[in-house]
């Protein structure tokens, strides 16, 4: 009887066979006052929905605990979409709130690039690139970040702590990104509340 129930649930789609997002690689480096990060993640969700999660800045607070405010903004005079993000994070005794505002360039379901404006951001440099590719019924996202903060970072231990924070904060975020993309795919919307379901 139990086997028949499981088969019935699977047939009507109530029993998920979804795989979890997979962090394939992650590297963070610091040189010449500049942080660089590269990651590769596989998501069990269609490319158009994974891309949609990343292109909508207003969803960022739903998958990253470091982002306390984010939104899509009106295009600039050149027609480029704009974004705003405010991060808040602490590593040991070192806490900072940092804002980024800039523009986005994209080719749907292929590449997304975000460039922070140093005049309206807490970074001298903040360039991000996401590339998207279909693989094994899901989506691979390769992420590149280059950033140079304007704010003070404690010499010696600061770069180590920031590198550690960047490496350790990704696991929960990729699972949430995947969940939002799956909800978009299933037509149940992209909202996600971390506190409960």
N, C-alpha and C. Protein backbone atom coordinates (compact mmCIF):
# COMPACT_ATOMS: atom_id res chain seq x y z
N UNK A 1 0.83 -1.19 0.00
CA UNK A 1 0.00 0.00 0.00
C UNK A 1 0.87 1.26 0.00
N UNK A 2 1.94 1.27 0.84
CA UNK A 2 2.81 2.44 0.93
C UNK A 2 3.48 2.72 -0.41
N UNK A 3 3.91 1.65 -1.12
CA UNK A 3 4.53 1.80 -2.43
C UNK A 3 3.58 2.42 -3.44
N UNK A 4 2.32 2.02 -3.40
CA UNK A 4 1.33 2.58 -4.32
C UNK A 4 1.09 4.05 -4.03
N UNK A 5 1.09 4.45 -2.74
CA UNK A 5 0.91 5.85 -2.37
C UNK A 5 2.08 6.70 -2.87
N UNK A 6 3.30 6.20 -2.71
CA UNK A 6 4.48 6.93 -3.17
C UNK A 6 4.42 7.08 -4.69
N UNK A 7 4.06 6.02 -5.41
CA UNK A 7 3.96 6.09 -6.87
C UNK A 7 2.89 7.09 -7.29
N UNK A 8 1.76 7.12 -6.59
CA UNK A 8 0.69 8.05 -6.91
C UNK A 8 1.14 9.50 -6.68
N UNK A 9 1.80 9.75 -5.53
CA UNK A 9 2.29 11.10 -5.23
C UNK A 9 3.31 11.56 -6.26
N UNK A 10 4.21 10.66 -6.65
CA UNK A 10 5.21 11.00 -7.66
C UNK A 10 4.53 11.31 -9.00
N UNK A 11 3.51 10.54 -9.34
CA UNK A 11 2.83 10.73 -10.62
C UNK A 11 2.13 12.08 -10.71
N UNK A 12 1.60 12.56 -9.62
CA UNK A 12 0.91 13.85 -9.65
C UNK A 12 1.82 15.01 -9.26
N UNK A 13 3.11 14.71 -9.05
CA UNK A 13 4.07 15.78 -8.81
C UNK A 13 4.12 16.29 -7.39
N UNK A 14 3.56 15.58 -6.45
CA UNK A 14 3.58 16.04 -5.06
C UNK A 14 4.81 15.57 -4.31
N UNK A 15 5.52 14.62 -4.87
CA UNK A 15 6.74 14.12 -4.24
C UNK A 15 7.90 14.61 -5.08
N UNK A 16 8.68 15.51 -4.55
CA UNK A 16 9.77 16.11 -5.31
C UNK A 16 10.95 15.18 -5.47
N UNK A 17 11.57 15.25 -6.64
CA UNK A 17 12.80 14.52 -6.88
C UNK A 17 13.93 15.52 -7.13
N UNK A 18 13.71 16.75 -6.73
CA UNK A 18 14.67 17.80 -7.01
C UNK A 18 15.99 17.57 -6.29
N UNK A 19 17.04 17.95 -6.97
CA UNK A 19 18.36 17.90 -6.39
C UNK A 19 18.63 19.26 -5.76
N UNK A 20 19.56 19.29 -4.85
CA UNK A 20 19.92 20.56 -4.23
C UNK A 20 20.94 21.29 -5.09
N UNK A 21 20.96 22.61 -4.97
CA UNK A 21 21.96 23.40 -5.66
C UNK A 21 23.34 22.89 -5.26
N UNK A 22 24.27 22.95 -6.21
CA UNK A 22 25.61 22.42 -5.97
C UNK A 22 26.66 23.50 -6.20
N UNK A 23 27.41 23.84 -5.14
CA UNK A 23 28.53 24.76 -5.26
C UNK A 23 29.70 23.96 -5.82
N UNK A 24 30.05 24.21 -7.07
CA UNK A 24 31.12 23.45 -7.72
C UNK A 24 32.50 24.00 -7.42
N UNK A 25 32.60 25.31 -7.34
CA UNK A 25 33.90 25.90 -7.02
C UNK A 25 33.69 27.30 -6.46
N UNK A 26 34.65 27.72 -5.67
CA UNK A 26 34.62 29.05 -5.06
C UNK A 26 36.04 29.45 -4.72
N UNK A 27 36.44 30.61 -5.19
CA UNK A 27 37.76 31.14 -4.83
C UNK A 27 37.63 32.62 -4.53
N UNK A 28 38.34 33.07 -3.52
CA UNK A 28 38.37 34.48 -3.14
C UNK A 28 39.83 34.87 -2.96
N UNK A 29 40.24 35.96 -3.61
CA UNK A 29 41.62 36.43 -3.50
C UNK A 29 41.64 37.90 -3.14
N UNK A 30 42.78 38.31 -2.58
CA UNK A 30 42.99 39.71 -2.23
C UNK A 30 44.40 40.10 -2.66
N UNK A 31 44.48 41.12 -3.50
CA UNK A 31 45.77 41.65 -3.94
C UNK A 31 45.57 43.09 -4.37
N UNK A 32 46.56 43.92 -4.08
CA UNK A 32 46.52 45.34 -4.48
C UNK A 32 45.25 46.04 -4.03
N UNK A 33 44.82 45.78 -2.80
CA UNK A 33 43.63 46.39 -2.19
C UNK A 33 42.35 46.03 -2.93
N UNK A 34 42.36 44.95 -3.69
CA UNK A 34 41.22 44.54 -4.50
C UNK A 34 40.87 43.08 -4.18
N UNK A 35 39.58 42.84 -3.99
CA UNK A 35 39.08 41.49 -3.77
C UNK A 35 38.55 40.96 -5.09
N UNK A 36 38.84 39.71 -5.38
CA UNK A 36 38.25 39.04 -6.53
C UNK A 36 37.64 37.74 -6.05
N UNK A 37 36.52 37.41 -6.63
CA UNK A 37 35.84 36.18 -6.26
C UNK A 37 35.32 35.53 -7.54
N UNK A 38 35.41 34.22 -7.58
CA UNK A 38 34.85 33.45 -8.69
C UNK A 38 34.15 32.24 -8.10
N UNK A 39 32.94 31.99 -8.58
CA UNK A 39 32.22 30.79 -8.14
C UNK A 39 31.49 30.18 -9.32
N UNK A 40 31.24 28.89 -9.19
CA UNK A 40 30.43 28.17 -10.17
C UNK A 40 29.42 27.33 -9.40
N UNK A 41 28.14 27.50 -9.75
CA UNK A 41 27.05 26.82 -9.04
C UNK A 41 26.10 26.20 -10.07
N UNK A 42 25.64 24.99 -9.77
CA UNK A 42 24.59 24.36 -10.57
C UNK A 42 23.29 24.45 -9.80
N UNK A 43 22.23 24.92 -10.48
CA UNK A 43 20.90 25.03 -9.90
C UNK A 43 19.94 24.08 -10.59
N UNK A 44 19.09 23.42 -9.82
CA UNK A 44 18.07 22.54 -10.37
C UNK A 44 16.83 23.37 -10.71
N UNK A 45 16.97 24.19 -11.74
CA UNK A 45 15.88 25.06 -12.19
C UNK A 45 16.21 25.52 -13.61
N UNK A 46 15.18 25.81 -14.41
CA UNK A 46 15.41 26.24 -15.79
C UNK A 46 16.16 27.58 -15.86
N UNK A 47 16.93 27.72 -16.93
CA UNK A 47 17.80 28.88 -17.09
C UNK A 47 17.04 30.21 -17.03
N UNK A 48 15.86 30.28 -17.65
CA UNK A 48 15.14 31.56 -17.68
C UNK A 48 14.68 31.99 -16.28
N UNK A 49 14.41 31.04 -15.41
CA UNK A 49 13.97 31.38 -14.05
C UNK A 49 15.15 31.71 -13.14
N UNK A 50 16.26 31.00 -13.32
CA UNK A 50 17.47 31.34 -12.56
C UNK A 50 17.94 32.73 -12.97
N UNK A 51 17.98 32.99 -14.25
CA UNK A 51 18.36 34.31 -14.75
C UNK A 51 17.45 35.39 -14.17
N UNK A 52 16.16 35.11 -14.13
CA UNK A 52 15.18 36.08 -13.63
C UNK A 52 15.44 36.43 -12.16
N UNK A 53 15.83 35.44 -11.36
CA UNK A 53 16.13 35.71 -9.95
C UNK A 53 17.30 36.69 -9.84
N UNK A 54 18.35 36.48 -10.63
CA UNK A 54 19.53 37.35 -10.55
C UNK A 54 19.28 38.72 -11.14
N UNK A 55 18.47 38.84 -12.17
CA UNK A 55 18.26 40.14 -12.80
C UNK A 55 17.33 41.04 -12.01
N UNK A 56 16.57 40.47 -11.09
CA UNK A 56 15.62 41.27 -10.30
C UNK A 56 16.26 41.61 -8.95
N UNK A 57 16.81 42.80 -8.87
CA UNK A 57 17.51 43.21 -7.66
C UNK A 57 16.59 43.21 -6.44
N UNK A 58 15.28 43.44 -6.67
CA UNK A 58 14.34 43.48 -5.55
C UNK A 58 14.21 42.13 -4.85
N UNK A 59 14.67 41.03 -5.48
CA UNK A 59 14.62 39.71 -4.85
C UNK A 59 15.85 39.43 -3.96
N UNK A 60 16.89 40.26 -4.06
CA UNK A 60 18.15 39.98 -3.37
C UNK A 60 18.02 39.80 -1.86
N UNK A 61 17.14 40.56 -1.23
CA UNK A 61 16.98 40.44 0.23
C UNK A 61 16.38 39.09 0.61
N UNK A 62 15.75 38.41 -0.34
CA UNK A 62 15.13 37.12 -0.04
C UNK A 62 16.14 35.97 -0.04
N UNK A 63 17.31 36.17 -0.66
CA UNK A 63 18.27 35.07 -0.65
C UNK A 63 19.59 35.39 0.02
N UNK A 64 19.87 36.63 0.33
CA UNK A 64 21.12 36.97 1.00
C UNK A 64 20.86 37.70 2.31
N UNK A 65 21.31 37.11 3.40
CA UNK A 65 21.12 37.76 4.70
C UNK A 65 21.98 39.00 4.85
N UNK A 66 23.00 39.16 4.02
CA UNK A 66 23.86 40.35 4.08
C UNK A 66 23.21 41.57 3.43
N UNK A 67 22.22 41.34 2.58
CA UNK A 67 21.56 42.45 1.88
C UNK A 67 20.32 42.85 2.68
N UNK A 68 20.34 44.08 3.17
CA UNK A 68 19.23 44.56 4.00
C UNK A 68 18.23 45.40 3.20
N UNK A 69 18.65 45.86 2.02
CA UNK A 69 17.75 46.62 1.16
C UNK A 69 18.26 46.50 -0.27
N UNK A 70 17.34 46.30 -1.20
CA UNK A 70 17.73 46.25 -2.61
C UNK A 70 16.51 46.57 -3.46
N UNK A 71 16.79 47.15 -4.62
CA UNK A 71 15.67 47.46 -5.50
C UNK A 71 16.17 47.73 -6.92
N UNK A 72 15.27 47.48 -7.85
CA UNK A 72 15.48 47.89 -9.23
C UNK A 72 15.14 49.37 -9.31
N UNK A 73 15.89 50.11 -10.12
CA UNK A 73 15.65 51.54 -10.27
C UNK A 73 15.37 51.86 -11.74
N UNK A 74 14.85 53.05 -11.97
CA UNK A 74 14.57 53.49 -13.34
C UNK A 74 15.86 53.54 -14.16
N UNK A 75 15.75 53.29 -15.47
CA UNK A 75 16.93 53.35 -16.33
C UNK A 75 17.57 54.75 -16.32
N UNK A 76 18.88 54.78 -16.58
CA UNK A 76 19.58 56.06 -16.67
C UNK A 76 19.32 56.70 -18.03
N UNK A 77 19.99 57.82 -18.30
CA UNK A 77 19.79 58.55 -19.56
C UNK A 77 20.17 57.73 -20.79
N UNK A 78 21.02 56.72 -20.59
CA UNK A 78 21.43 55.86 -21.70
C UNK A 78 20.51 54.64 -21.86
N UNK A 79 19.48 54.56 -20.99
CA UNK A 79 18.53 53.45 -21.06
C UNK A 79 18.96 52.20 -20.31
N UNK A 80 20.06 52.29 -19.55
CA UNK A 80 20.55 51.12 -18.82
C UNK A 80 19.78 50.97 -17.51
N UNK A 81 19.29 49.77 -17.21
CA UNK A 81 18.63 49.55 -15.92
C UNK A 81 19.58 49.88 -14.77
N UNK A 82 19.02 50.43 -13.71
CA UNK A 82 19.80 50.81 -12.53
C UNK A 82 19.43 49.90 -11.36
N UNK A 83 20.34 49.80 -10.39
CA UNK A 83 20.09 49.01 -9.19
C UNK A 83 20.61 49.74 -7.96
N UNK A 84 20.07 49.36 -6.81
CA UNK A 84 20.54 49.86 -5.51
C UNK A 84 20.57 48.67 -4.55
N UNK A 85 21.68 48.56 -3.79
CA UNK A 85 21.83 47.50 -2.79
C UNK A 85 22.51 48.09 -1.56
N UNK A 86 21.96 47.77 -0.40
CA UNK A 86 22.61 48.14 0.87
C UNK A 86 22.90 46.84 1.63
N UNK A 87 24.18 46.61 1.88
CA UNK A 87 24.63 45.43 2.62
C UNK A 87 24.97 45.81 4.05
N UNK A 88 24.81 44.85 4.94
CA UNK A 88 25.22 45.02 6.34
C UNK A 88 25.85 43.70 6.75
N UNK A 89 27.05 43.77 7.28
CA UNK A 89 27.70 42.53 7.68
C UNK A 89 28.72 42.75 8.77
N UNK A 90 28.92 41.73 9.56
CA UNK A 90 29.91 41.74 10.63
C UNK A 90 30.75 40.47 10.55
N UNK A 91 32.03 40.64 10.72
CA UNK A 91 32.94 39.53 10.85
C UNK A 91 33.76 39.81 12.11
N UNK A 92 33.52 38.99 13.13
CA UNK A 92 34.10 39.20 14.46
C UNK A 92 33.73 40.60 14.95
N UNK A 93 34.72 41.44 15.18
CA UNK A 93 34.49 42.78 15.72
C UNK A 93 34.29 43.84 14.64
N UNK A 94 34.41 43.47 13.40
CA UNK A 94 34.39 44.41 12.28
C UNK A 94 33.02 44.38 11.61
N UNK A 95 32.27 45.48 11.72
CA UNK A 95 30.94 45.59 11.09
C UNK A 95 30.93 46.76 10.12
N UNK A 96 30.18 46.61 9.05
CA UNK A 96 30.10 47.68 8.06
C UNK A 96 28.75 47.63 7.34
N UNK A 97 28.27 48.81 6.99
CA UNK A 97 27.13 48.95 6.09
C UNK A 97 27.68 49.61 4.83
N UNK A 98 27.38 49.01 3.69
CA UNK A 98 27.93 49.51 2.43
C UNK A 98 26.82 49.56 1.38
N UNK A 99 26.82 50.64 0.61
CA UNK A 99 25.82 50.83 -0.43
C UNK A 99 26.48 50.74 -1.80
N UNK A 100 25.71 50.17 -2.73
CA UNK A 100 26.12 50.13 -4.13
C UNK A 100 24.95 50.58 -4.98
N UNK A 101 25.24 51.46 -5.91
CA UNK A 101 24.24 51.91 -6.86
C UNK A 101 24.93 51.99 -8.21
N UNK A 102 24.28 51.49 -9.24
CA UNK A 102 24.92 51.51 -10.55
C UNK A 102 23.99 51.04 -11.63
N UNK A 103 24.60 50.55 -12.71
CA UNK A 103 23.82 50.15 -13.87
C UNK A 103 24.09 48.69 -14.23
N UNK A 104 23.19 48.16 -15.05
CA UNK A 104 23.23 46.75 -15.43
C UNK A 104 23.26 46.64 -16.95
N UNK A 105 24.08 45.72 -17.45
CA UNK A 105 24.08 45.32 -18.85
C UNK A 105 23.73 43.85 -18.90
N UNK A 106 22.97 43.42 -19.91
CA UNK A 106 22.58 42.01 -19.94
C UNK A 106 22.23 41.53 -21.34
N UNK A 107 22.36 40.22 -21.50
CA UNK A 107 21.79 39.47 -22.61
C UNK A 107 20.97 38.37 -21.95
N UNK A 108 19.65 38.40 -22.10
CA UNK A 108 18.79 37.46 -21.37
C UNK A 108 19.23 36.01 -21.49
N UNK A 109 19.25 35.35 -20.32
CA UNK A 109 19.59 33.93 -20.18
C UNK A 109 21.01 33.60 -20.61
N UNK A 110 21.86 34.63 -20.73
CA UNK A 110 23.25 34.42 -21.14
C UNK A 110 24.23 35.09 -20.17
N UNK A 111 24.14 36.41 -20.05
CA UNK A 111 25.09 37.15 -19.20
C UNK A 111 24.41 38.35 -18.56
N UNK A 112 24.84 38.65 -17.35
CA UNK A 112 24.35 39.80 -16.59
C UNK A 112 25.58 40.46 -15.97
N UNK A 113 25.71 41.78 -16.15
CA UNK A 113 26.85 42.51 -15.58
C UNK A 113 26.32 43.70 -14.79
N UNK A 114 26.89 43.92 -13.61
CA UNK A 114 26.51 45.06 -12.77
C UNK A 114 27.76 45.87 -12.45
N UNK A 115 27.66 47.17 -12.64
CA UNK A 115 28.76 48.08 -12.41
C UNK A 115 28.33 49.16 -11.42
N UNK A 116 28.96 49.19 -10.26
CA UNK A 116 28.63 50.21 -9.26
C UNK A 116 29.29 51.53 -9.65
N UNK A 117 28.55 52.61 -9.44
CA UNK A 117 29.07 53.95 -9.69
C UNK A 117 29.82 54.39 -8.44
N UNK A 118 31.13 54.65 -8.52
CA UNK A 118 31.90 55.04 -7.34
C UNK A 118 31.41 56.34 -6.69
N UNK A 119 30.74 57.19 -7.46
CA UNK A 119 30.25 58.46 -6.91
C UNK A 119 29.05 58.26 -6.00
N UNK A 120 28.30 57.17 -6.18
CA UNK A 120 27.10 56.93 -5.37
C UNK A 120 27.20 55.62 -4.60
N UNK A 121 28.41 55.08 -4.49
CA UNK A 121 28.61 53.79 -3.83
C UNK A 121 29.76 53.87 -2.83
N UNK A 122 29.81 52.90 -1.94
CA UNK A 122 30.89 52.81 -0.96
C UNK A 122 32.05 51.96 -1.47
N UNK A 123 32.19 51.93 -2.80
CA UNK A 123 33.24 51.15 -3.43
C UNK A 123 33.90 51.98 -4.52
N UNK A 124 35.22 51.95 -4.56
CA UNK A 124 35.94 52.55 -5.67
C UNK A 124 35.72 51.72 -6.92
N UNK A 125 35.55 50.41 -6.72
CA UNK A 125 35.33 49.47 -7.80
C UNK A 125 34.41 48.37 -7.30
N UNK A 126 33.37 48.06 -8.05
CA UNK A 126 32.52 46.90 -7.79
C UNK A 126 31.91 46.49 -9.12
N UNK A 127 32.51 45.47 -9.72
CA UNK A 127 32.03 44.93 -10.99
C UNK A 127 31.68 43.47 -10.77
N UNK A 128 30.47 43.10 -11.20
CA UNK A 128 30.01 41.71 -11.06
C UNK A 128 29.56 41.21 -12.42
N UNK A 129 29.85 39.94 -12.69
CA UNK A 129 29.40 39.29 -13.92
C UNK A 129 28.87 37.90 -13.58
N UNK A 130 27.68 37.61 -14.10
CA UNK A 130 27.09 36.27 -14.00
C UNK A 130 26.92 35.76 -15.42
N UNK A 131 27.39 34.54 -15.69
CA UNK A 131 27.10 33.90 -16.97
C UNK A 131 26.26 32.66 -16.71
N UNK A 132 25.34 32.38 -17.61
CA UNK A 132 24.34 31.33 -17.44
C UNK A 132 24.45 30.32 -18.58
N UNK A 133 24.36 29.03 -18.24
CA UNK A 133 24.38 27.98 -19.26
C UNK A 133 23.49 26.83 -18.80
N UNK A 134 22.78 26.24 -19.75
CA UNK A 134 21.95 25.08 -19.44
C UNK A 134 22.84 23.84 -19.31
N UNK A 135 22.53 23.02 -18.30
CA UNK A 135 23.29 21.79 -18.11
C UNK A 135 22.48 20.80 -17.28
N UNK A 136 22.38 19.57 -17.74
CA UNK A 136 21.73 18.47 -17.01
C UNK A 136 20.34 18.83 -16.50
N UNK A 137 19.56 19.50 -17.32
CA UNK A 137 18.20 19.87 -16.93
C UNK A 137 18.13 21.03 -15.96
N UNK A 138 19.27 21.64 -15.68
CA UNK A 138 19.32 22.78 -14.77
C UNK A 138 20.13 23.91 -15.38
N UNK A 139 20.72 24.72 -14.51
CA UNK A 139 21.46 25.90 -14.95
C UNK A 139 22.76 26.03 -14.19
N UNK A 140 23.84 26.29 -14.91
CA UNK A 140 25.14 26.60 -14.30
C UNK A 140 25.30 28.12 -14.35
N UNK A 141 25.66 28.69 -13.20
CA UNK A 141 25.95 30.11 -13.11
C UNK A 141 27.39 30.28 -12.67
N UNK A 142 28.16 31.00 -13.48
CA UNK A 142 29.53 31.34 -13.12
C UNK A 142 29.52 32.82 -12.75
N UNK A 143 30.04 33.12 -11.56
CA UNK A 143 30.02 34.48 -11.00
C UNK A 143 31.44 34.98 -10.85
N UNK A 144 31.67 36.22 -11.28
CA UNK A 144 32.95 36.89 -11.09
C UNK A 144 32.68 38.22 -10.39
N UNK A 145 33.46 38.52 -9.38
CA UNK A 145 33.36 39.79 -8.65
C UNK A 145 34.74 40.41 -8.54
N UNK A 146 34.81 41.70 -8.80
CA UNK A 146 35.99 42.50 -8.48
C UNK A 146 35.49 43.66 -7.65
N UNK A 147 36.09 43.86 -6.48
CA UNK A 147 35.66 45.00 -5.67
C UNK A 147 36.83 45.59 -4.89
N UNK A 148 36.75 46.89 -4.72
CA UNK A 148 37.70 47.62 -3.90
C UNK A 148 36.89 48.60 -3.05
N UNK A 149 36.75 48.31 -1.77
CA UNK A 149 35.92 49.16 -0.92
C UNK A 149 36.56 50.51 -0.62
N UNK A 150 35.72 51.53 -0.41
CA UNK A 150 36.17 52.84 0.05
C UNK A 150 36.36 52.84 1.56
N UNK A 151 35.61 51.97 2.25
CA UNK A 151 35.62 51.97 3.71
C UNK A 151 36.89 51.29 4.25
N UNK A 152 37.19 51.62 5.50
CA UNK A 152 38.38 51.10 6.16
C UNK A 152 38.22 49.62 6.46
N UNK A 153 39.26 48.88 6.14
CA UNK A 153 39.32 47.46 6.45
C UNK A 153 40.55 47.27 7.33
N UNK A 154 40.39 46.64 8.51
CA UNK A 154 41.54 46.49 9.40
C UNK A 154 42.71 45.81 8.70
N UNK A 155 43.89 46.41 8.72
CA UNK A 155 45.03 45.79 8.04
C UNK A 155 45.36 44.43 8.66
N UNK A 156 45.96 43.60 7.84
CA UNK A 156 46.37 42.29 8.33
C UNK A 156 45.22 41.31 8.35
N UNK A 157 44.40 41.38 9.38
CA UNK A 157 43.32 40.39 9.55
C UNK A 157 42.08 40.71 8.73
N UNK A 158 41.86 41.98 8.38
CA UNK A 158 40.66 42.38 7.64
C UNK A 158 40.43 41.62 6.35
N UNK A 159 41.42 41.61 5.45
CA UNK A 159 41.23 40.87 4.20
C UNK A 159 40.92 39.39 4.44
N UNK A 160 41.58 38.77 5.41
CA UNK A 160 41.31 37.37 5.73
C UNK A 160 39.85 37.19 6.17
N UNK A 161 39.37 38.07 7.04
CA UNK A 161 38.01 37.95 7.55
C UNK A 161 36.97 38.18 6.44
N UNK A 162 37.21 39.14 5.57
CA UNK A 162 36.28 39.39 4.48
C UNK A 162 36.26 38.21 3.51
N UNK A 163 37.44 37.67 3.20
CA UNK A 163 37.50 36.49 2.33
C UNK A 163 36.72 35.33 2.95
N UNK A 164 36.89 35.12 4.25
CA UNK A 164 36.19 34.03 4.93
C UNK A 164 34.68 34.24 4.90
N UNK A 165 34.25 35.49 5.13
CA UNK A 165 32.82 35.81 5.11
C UNK A 165 32.22 35.57 3.72
N UNK A 166 32.93 35.99 2.67
CA UNK A 166 32.44 35.78 1.31
C UNK A 166 32.31 34.28 1.01
N UNK A 167 33.27 33.49 1.45
CA UNK A 167 33.23 32.05 1.20
C UNK A 167 32.11 31.37 1.99
N UNK A 168 31.91 31.78 3.25
CA UNK A 168 30.97 31.07 4.12
C UNK A 168 29.52 31.49 3.94
N UNK A 169 29.25 32.61 3.30
CA UNK A 169 27.88 33.11 3.23
C UNK A 169 27.11 32.59 2.01
N UNK A 170 27.75 31.83 1.14
CA UNK A 170 27.11 31.43 -0.10
C UNK A 170 26.19 30.23 -0.03
N UNK A 171 26.40 29.30 0.91
CA UNK A 171 25.64 28.06 0.93
C UNK A 171 24.14 28.24 1.07
N UNK A 172 23.72 28.99 2.06
CA UNK A 172 22.29 29.23 2.24
C UNK A 172 21.70 30.03 1.07
N UNK A 173 22.48 30.98 0.57
CA UNK A 173 21.99 31.83 -0.52
C UNK A 173 21.70 31.00 -1.77
N UNK A 174 22.57 30.06 -2.12
CA UNK A 174 22.32 29.31 -3.35
C UNK A 174 21.09 28.42 -3.22
N UNK A 175 20.85 27.89 -2.03
CA UNK A 175 19.63 27.08 -1.83
C UNK A 175 18.38 27.95 -1.97
N UNK A 176 18.45 29.18 -1.45
CA UNK A 176 17.29 30.09 -1.55
C UNK A 176 17.07 30.55 -2.99
N UNK A 177 18.17 30.83 -3.71
CA UNK A 177 18.06 31.22 -5.12
C UNK A 177 17.36 30.11 -5.90
N UNK A 178 17.79 28.88 -5.65
CA UNK A 178 17.19 27.74 -6.34
C UNK A 178 15.70 27.62 -6.02
N UNK A 179 15.34 27.79 -4.75
CA UNK A 179 13.94 27.70 -4.35
C UNK A 179 13.10 28.77 -5.03
N UNK A 180 13.59 30.00 -5.07
CA UNK A 180 12.86 31.08 -5.73
C UNK A 180 12.70 30.77 -7.22
N UNK A 181 13.76 30.31 -7.87
CA UNK A 181 13.69 29.97 -9.30
C UNK A 181 12.70 28.83 -9.54
N UNK A 182 12.69 27.83 -8.66
CA UNK A 182 11.75 26.72 -8.81
C UNK A 182 10.31 27.21 -8.63
N UNK A 183 10.10 28.12 -7.70
CA UNK A 183 8.76 28.67 -7.51
C UNK A 183 8.31 29.47 -8.72
N UNK A 184 9.23 30.22 -9.32
CA UNK A 184 8.89 30.94 -10.55
C UNK A 184 8.53 29.94 -11.65
N UNK A 185 9.28 28.85 -11.75
CA UNK A 185 9.04 27.82 -12.76
C UNK A 185 7.67 27.15 -12.55
N UNK A 186 7.31 26.93 -11.30
CA UNK A 186 6.05 26.26 -10.99
C UNK A 186 4.86 27.21 -10.96
N UNK A 187 5.12 28.50 -11.22
CA UNK A 187 4.04 29.47 -11.26
C UNK A 187 3.53 29.91 -9.91
N UNK A 188 4.29 29.62 -8.85
CA UNK A 188 3.84 30.02 -7.51
C UNK A 188 4.48 31.32 -7.04
N UNK A 189 5.13 32.04 -7.93
CA UNK A 189 5.72 33.32 -7.57
C UNK A 189 7.11 33.16 -7.01
N UNK A 190 7.81 34.29 -6.90
CA UNK A 190 9.18 34.24 -6.46
C UNK A 190 9.40 34.59 -5.01
N UNK A 191 8.34 34.88 -4.27
CA UNK A 191 8.52 35.30 -2.88
C UNK A 191 9.03 34.15 -2.04
N UNK A 192 9.92 34.49 -1.14
CA UNK A 192 10.49 33.51 -0.23
C UNK A 192 10.62 34.18 1.13
N UNK A 193 10.18 33.52 2.15
CA UNK A 193 10.34 34.03 3.50
C UNK A 193 11.21 33.05 4.25
N UNK A 194 12.38 33.51 4.68
CA UNK A 194 13.34 32.64 5.33
C UNK A 194 12.82 32.08 6.64
N UNK A 195 11.94 32.82 7.32
CA UNK A 195 11.49 32.40 8.65
C UNK A 195 10.64 31.15 8.62
N UNK A 196 9.97 30.87 7.55
CA UNK A 196 9.15 29.66 7.54
C UNK A 196 8.35 29.53 6.28
N UNK A 197 7.87 28.35 6.09
CA UNK A 197 7.09 28.08 4.90
C UNK A 197 5.77 27.48 5.30
